[in-house]
């Protein structure tokens, strides 16, 4: 059984991998960024798109963003940004 197959079967593992790799890469160097509302909106959009794919939620399901975040057990990307900048 390959590593990809093990990750596909376990949603908790996928969340951990997402936080360890994607979030850290996405927010690399964010401590020095000048934050604009437009940039935060784009980061949040990418973040939620990834979480939709991890949770297996289609856009046709009409699930709110807060429900997606609570289903995955992850906070929004703006919280990650503010935490990193502190």
N, C-alpha and C. Protein backbone atom coordinates (compact mmCIF):
# COMPACT_ATOMS: atom_id res chain seq x y z
N UNK A 1 0.85 -1.18 0.00
CA UNK A 1 0.00 0.00 0.00
C UNK A 1 0.90 1.24 0.00
N UNK A 2 0.69 2.11 -0.96
CA UNK A 2 1.52 3.29 -1.09
C UNK A 2 1.16 4.37 -0.09
N UNK A 3 2.05 5.30 0.06
CA UNK A 3 1.85 6.41 1.00
C UNK A 3 0.64 7.25 0.61
N UNK A 4 0.47 7.50 -0.69
CA UNK A 4 -0.66 8.31 -1.15
C UNK A 4 -1.99 7.64 -0.82
N UNK A 5 -2.04 6.33 -0.94
CA UNK A 5 -3.28 5.61 -0.63
C UNK A 5 -3.60 5.69 0.86
N UNK A 6 -2.59 5.63 1.72
CA UNK A 6 -2.82 5.76 3.16
C UNK A 6 -3.32 7.15 3.51
N UNK A 7 -2.78 8.17 2.86
CA UNK A 7 -3.21 9.55 3.12
C UNK A 7 -4.63 9.76 2.62
N UNK A 8 -4.99 9.16 1.49
CA UNK A 8 -6.34 9.31 0.96
C UNK A 8 -7.38 8.72 1.89
N UNK A 9 -7.06 7.66 2.56
CA UNK A 9 -8.02 6.99 3.41
C UNK A 9 -8.24 7.64 4.76
N UNK A 10 -7.32 8.47 5.23
CA UNK A 10 -7.40 9.01 6.58
C UNK A 10 -7.51 10.53 6.52
N UNK A 11 -8.70 11.08 6.83
CA UNK A 11 -8.90 12.53 6.76
C UNK A 11 -8.10 13.27 7.82
N UNK A 12 -7.93 12.68 8.99
CA UNK A 12 -7.13 13.31 10.03
C UNK A 12 -5.68 13.46 9.61
N UNK A 13 -5.20 12.45 8.92
CA UNK A 13 -3.83 12.49 8.40
C UNK A 13 -3.70 13.56 7.32
N UNK A 14 -4.73 13.67 6.47
CA UNK A 14 -4.70 14.68 5.42
C UNK A 14 -4.69 16.09 6.01
N UNK A 15 -5.45 16.30 7.09
CA UNK A 15 -5.44 17.61 7.76
C UNK A 15 -4.06 17.92 8.33
N UNK A 16 -3.44 16.92 8.92
CA UNK A 16 -2.10 17.11 9.49
C UNK A 16 -1.08 17.44 8.41
N UNK A 17 -1.15 16.72 7.30
CA UNK A 17 -0.24 16.97 6.18
C UNK A 17 -0.50 18.36 5.61
N UNK A 18 -1.76 18.74 5.49
CA UNK A 18 -2.13 20.06 4.97
C UNK A 18 -1.54 21.16 5.85
N UNK A 19 -1.71 21.01 7.17
CA UNK A 19 -1.17 22.03 8.07
C UNK A 19 0.34 22.05 8.06
N UNK A 20 0.96 20.89 7.98
CA UNK A 20 2.42 20.83 8.05
C UNK A 20 3.09 21.34 6.78
N UNK A 21 2.49 21.08 5.63
CA UNK A 21 3.16 21.42 4.38
C UNK A 21 2.56 22.65 3.72
N UNK A 22 1.27 22.62 3.45
CA UNK A 22 0.65 23.69 2.67
C UNK A 22 0.60 25.00 3.45
N UNK A 23 0.14 24.96 4.68
CA UNK A 23 0.02 26.19 5.46
C UNK A 23 1.38 26.82 5.70
N UNK A 24 2.38 26.02 6.05
CA UNK A 24 3.70 26.59 6.30
C UNK A 24 4.32 27.17 5.04
N UNK A 25 4.09 26.50 3.89
CA UNK A 25 4.60 27.02 2.63
C UNK A 25 3.86 28.27 2.20
N UNK A 26 2.56 28.26 2.37
CA UNK A 26 1.72 29.38 1.98
C UNK A 26 2.06 30.65 2.77
N UNK A 27 2.36 30.48 4.03
CA UNK A 27 2.60 31.63 4.90
C UNK A 27 4.08 31.89 5.17
N UNK A 28 4.96 31.32 4.35
CA UNK A 28 6.39 31.51 4.54
C UNK A 28 6.74 33.00 4.43
N UNK A 29 7.35 33.54 5.43
CA UNK A 29 7.79 34.93 5.43
C UNK A 29 6.68 35.94 5.67
N UNK A 30 5.52 35.48 6.13
CA UNK A 30 4.39 36.39 6.30
C UNK A 30 4.61 37.40 7.43
N UNK A 31 5.61 37.17 8.25
CA UNK A 31 5.90 38.10 9.33
C UNK A 31 6.28 39.48 8.80
N UNK A 32 6.82 39.53 7.60
CA UNK A 32 7.28 40.79 7.04
C UNK A 32 6.33 41.38 6.01
N UNK A 33 5.23 40.70 5.72
CA UNK A 33 4.28 41.17 4.72
C UNK A 33 3.51 42.39 5.21
N UNK A 34 3.17 43.27 4.30
CA UNK A 34 2.19 44.29 4.56
C UNK A 34 0.85 43.71 4.13
N UNK A 35 -0.04 43.55 5.09
CA UNK A 35 -1.30 42.87 4.80
C UNK A 35 -2.32 43.83 4.21
N UNK A 36 -2.86 43.44 3.09
CA UNK A 36 -3.96 44.16 2.46
C UNK A 36 -5.18 43.24 2.46
N UNK A 37 -6.35 43.82 2.53
CA UNK A 37 -7.58 43.04 2.56
C UNK A 37 -7.68 42.12 1.33
N UNK A 38 -7.23 42.60 0.18
CA UNK A 38 -7.27 41.81 -1.05
C UNK A 38 -6.39 40.57 -0.94
N UNK A 39 -5.21 40.72 -0.37
CA UNK A 39 -4.29 39.58 -0.21
C UNK A 39 -4.85 38.56 0.77
N UNK A 40 -5.43 39.05 1.86
CA UNK A 40 -6.01 38.15 2.85
C UNK A 40 -7.17 37.38 2.24
N UNK A 41 -7.97 38.05 1.44
CA UNK A 41 -9.12 37.41 0.80
C UNK A 41 -8.65 36.29 -0.15
N UNK A 42 -7.59 36.54 -0.90
CA UNK A 42 -7.07 35.52 -1.82
C UNK A 42 -6.49 34.32 -1.07
N UNK A 43 -5.76 34.58 0.02
CA UNK A 43 -5.23 33.48 0.82
C UNK A 43 -6.36 32.66 1.43
N UNK A 44 -7.39 33.34 1.91
CA UNK A 44 -8.53 32.64 2.51
C UNK A 44 -9.26 31.80 1.46
N UNK A 45 -9.36 32.33 0.26
CA UNK A 45 -10.02 31.61 -0.83
C UNK A 45 -9.25 30.33 -1.17
N UNK A 46 -7.93 30.41 -1.27
CA UNK A 46 -7.12 29.22 -1.54
C UNK A 46 -7.23 28.22 -0.39
N UNK A 47 -7.17 28.73 0.83
CA UNK A 47 -7.25 27.89 2.03
C UNK A 47 -8.57 27.10 2.04
N UNK A 48 -9.67 27.77 1.78
CA UNK A 48 -10.96 27.09 1.79
C UNK A 48 -11.12 26.14 0.61
N UNK A 49 -10.54 26.47 -0.51
CA UNK A 49 -10.58 25.56 -1.67
C UNK A 49 -9.87 24.26 -1.32
N UNK A 50 -8.73 24.34 -0.68
CA UNK A 50 -7.99 23.14 -0.28
C UNK A 50 -8.78 22.33 0.75
N UNK A 51 -9.41 23.02 1.70
CA UNK A 51 -10.19 22.31 2.71
C UNK A 51 -11.42 21.63 2.12
N UNK A 52 -12.02 22.25 1.12
CA UNK A 52 -13.14 21.62 0.43
C UNK A 52 -12.69 20.30 -0.20
N UNK A 53 -11.51 20.31 -0.82
CA UNK A 53 -11.00 19.10 -1.46
C UNK A 53 -10.67 18.03 -0.44
N UNK A 54 -10.07 18.43 0.69
CA UNK A 54 -9.73 17.47 1.73
C UNK A 54 -10.98 16.83 2.31
N UNK A 55 -12.00 17.64 2.58
CA UNK A 55 -13.23 17.13 3.19
C UNK A 55 -14.14 16.45 2.18
N UNK A 56 -13.85 16.59 0.89
CA UNK A 56 -14.69 15.97 -0.12
C UNK A 56 -16.02 16.68 -0.31
N UNK A 57 -16.03 17.99 -0.09
CA UNK A 57 -17.24 18.80 -0.23
C UNK A 57 -17.21 19.49 -1.58
N UNK A 58 -18.27 19.32 -2.34
CA UNK A 58 -18.37 19.97 -3.64
C UNK A 58 -19.04 21.33 -3.48
N UNK A 59 -18.80 22.22 -4.41
CA UNK A 59 -19.40 23.55 -4.31
C UNK A 59 -20.91 23.48 -4.49
N UNK A 60 -21.41 22.44 -5.15
CA UNK A 60 -22.84 22.28 -5.34
C UNK A 60 -23.56 21.93 -4.04
N UNK A 61 -22.82 21.47 -3.04
CA UNK A 61 -23.42 21.09 -1.76
C UNK A 61 -23.88 22.29 -0.95
N UNK A 62 -23.42 23.47 -1.31
CA UNK A 62 -23.80 24.73 -0.64
C UNK A 62 -23.53 24.70 0.86
N UNK A 63 -22.32 24.34 1.22
CA UNK A 63 -21.90 24.33 2.61
C UNK A 63 -21.19 25.64 2.89
N UNK A 64 -21.51 26.29 4.00
CA UNK A 64 -20.88 27.57 4.31
C UNK A 64 -19.42 27.38 4.68
N UNK A 65 -18.66 28.45 4.57
CA UNK A 65 -17.23 28.39 4.87
C UNK A 65 -16.98 28.06 6.33
N UNK A 66 -17.80 28.59 7.23
CA UNK A 66 -17.62 28.29 8.65
C UNK A 66 -17.89 26.82 8.95
N UNK A 67 -18.83 26.22 8.23
CA UNK A 67 -19.07 24.79 8.40
C UNK A 67 -17.90 23.95 7.89
N UNK A 68 -17.29 24.38 6.80
CA UNK A 68 -16.12 23.68 6.26
C UNK A 68 -14.97 23.76 7.27
N UNK A 69 -14.74 24.94 7.83
CA UNK A 69 -13.66 25.10 8.81
C UNK A 69 -13.91 24.25 10.05
N UNK A 70 -15.14 24.21 10.53
CA UNK A 70 -15.44 23.41 11.72
C UNK A 70 -15.37 21.92 11.42
N UNK A 71 -15.75 21.51 10.21
CA UNK A 71 -15.66 20.10 9.83
C UNK A 71 -14.21 19.63 9.82
N UNK A 72 -13.33 20.48 9.30
CA UNK A 72 -11.91 20.12 9.22
C UNK A 72 -11.17 20.39 10.52
N UNK A 73 -11.76 21.16 11.41
CA UNK A 73 -11.11 21.45 12.69
C UNK A 73 -9.93 22.40 12.56
N UNK A 74 -10.02 23.33 11.60
CA UNK A 74 -8.94 24.27 11.33
C UNK A 74 -9.51 25.68 11.36
N UNK A 75 -8.72 26.64 11.81
CA UNK A 75 -9.15 28.03 11.80
C UNK A 75 -8.90 28.64 10.42
N UNK A 76 -9.40 29.83 10.22
CA UNK A 76 -9.21 30.53 8.95
C UNK A 76 -7.76 30.96 8.77
N UNK A 77 -7.41 31.28 7.54
CA UNK A 77 -6.04 31.65 7.24
C UNK A 77 -5.66 32.99 7.86
N UNK A 78 -6.62 33.87 8.07
CA UNK A 78 -6.32 35.15 8.70
C UNK A 78 -5.84 34.96 10.14
N UNK A 79 -6.39 33.97 10.82
CA UNK A 79 -5.93 33.66 12.18
C UNK A 79 -4.48 33.18 12.16
N UNK A 80 -4.13 32.35 11.16
CA UNK A 80 -2.75 31.89 11.02
C UNK A 80 -1.81 33.07 10.76
N UNK A 81 -2.26 34.01 9.91
CA UNK A 81 -1.45 35.18 9.59
C UNK A 81 -1.19 36.04 10.83
N UNK A 82 -2.25 36.33 11.55
CA UNK A 82 -2.11 37.19 12.73
C UNK A 82 -1.26 36.50 13.81
N UNK A 83 -1.42 35.20 13.97
CA UNK A 83 -0.61 34.46 14.94
C UNK A 83 0.87 34.51 14.58
N UNK A 84 1.15 34.36 13.28
CA UNK A 84 2.55 34.35 12.84
C UNK A 84 3.17 35.73 12.98
N UNK A 85 2.38 36.78 12.78
CA UNK A 85 2.92 38.13 12.85
C UNK A 85 3.13 38.60 14.28
N UNK A 86 2.48 37.95 15.24
CA UNK A 86 2.72 38.30 16.64
C UNK A 86 4.08 37.77 17.04
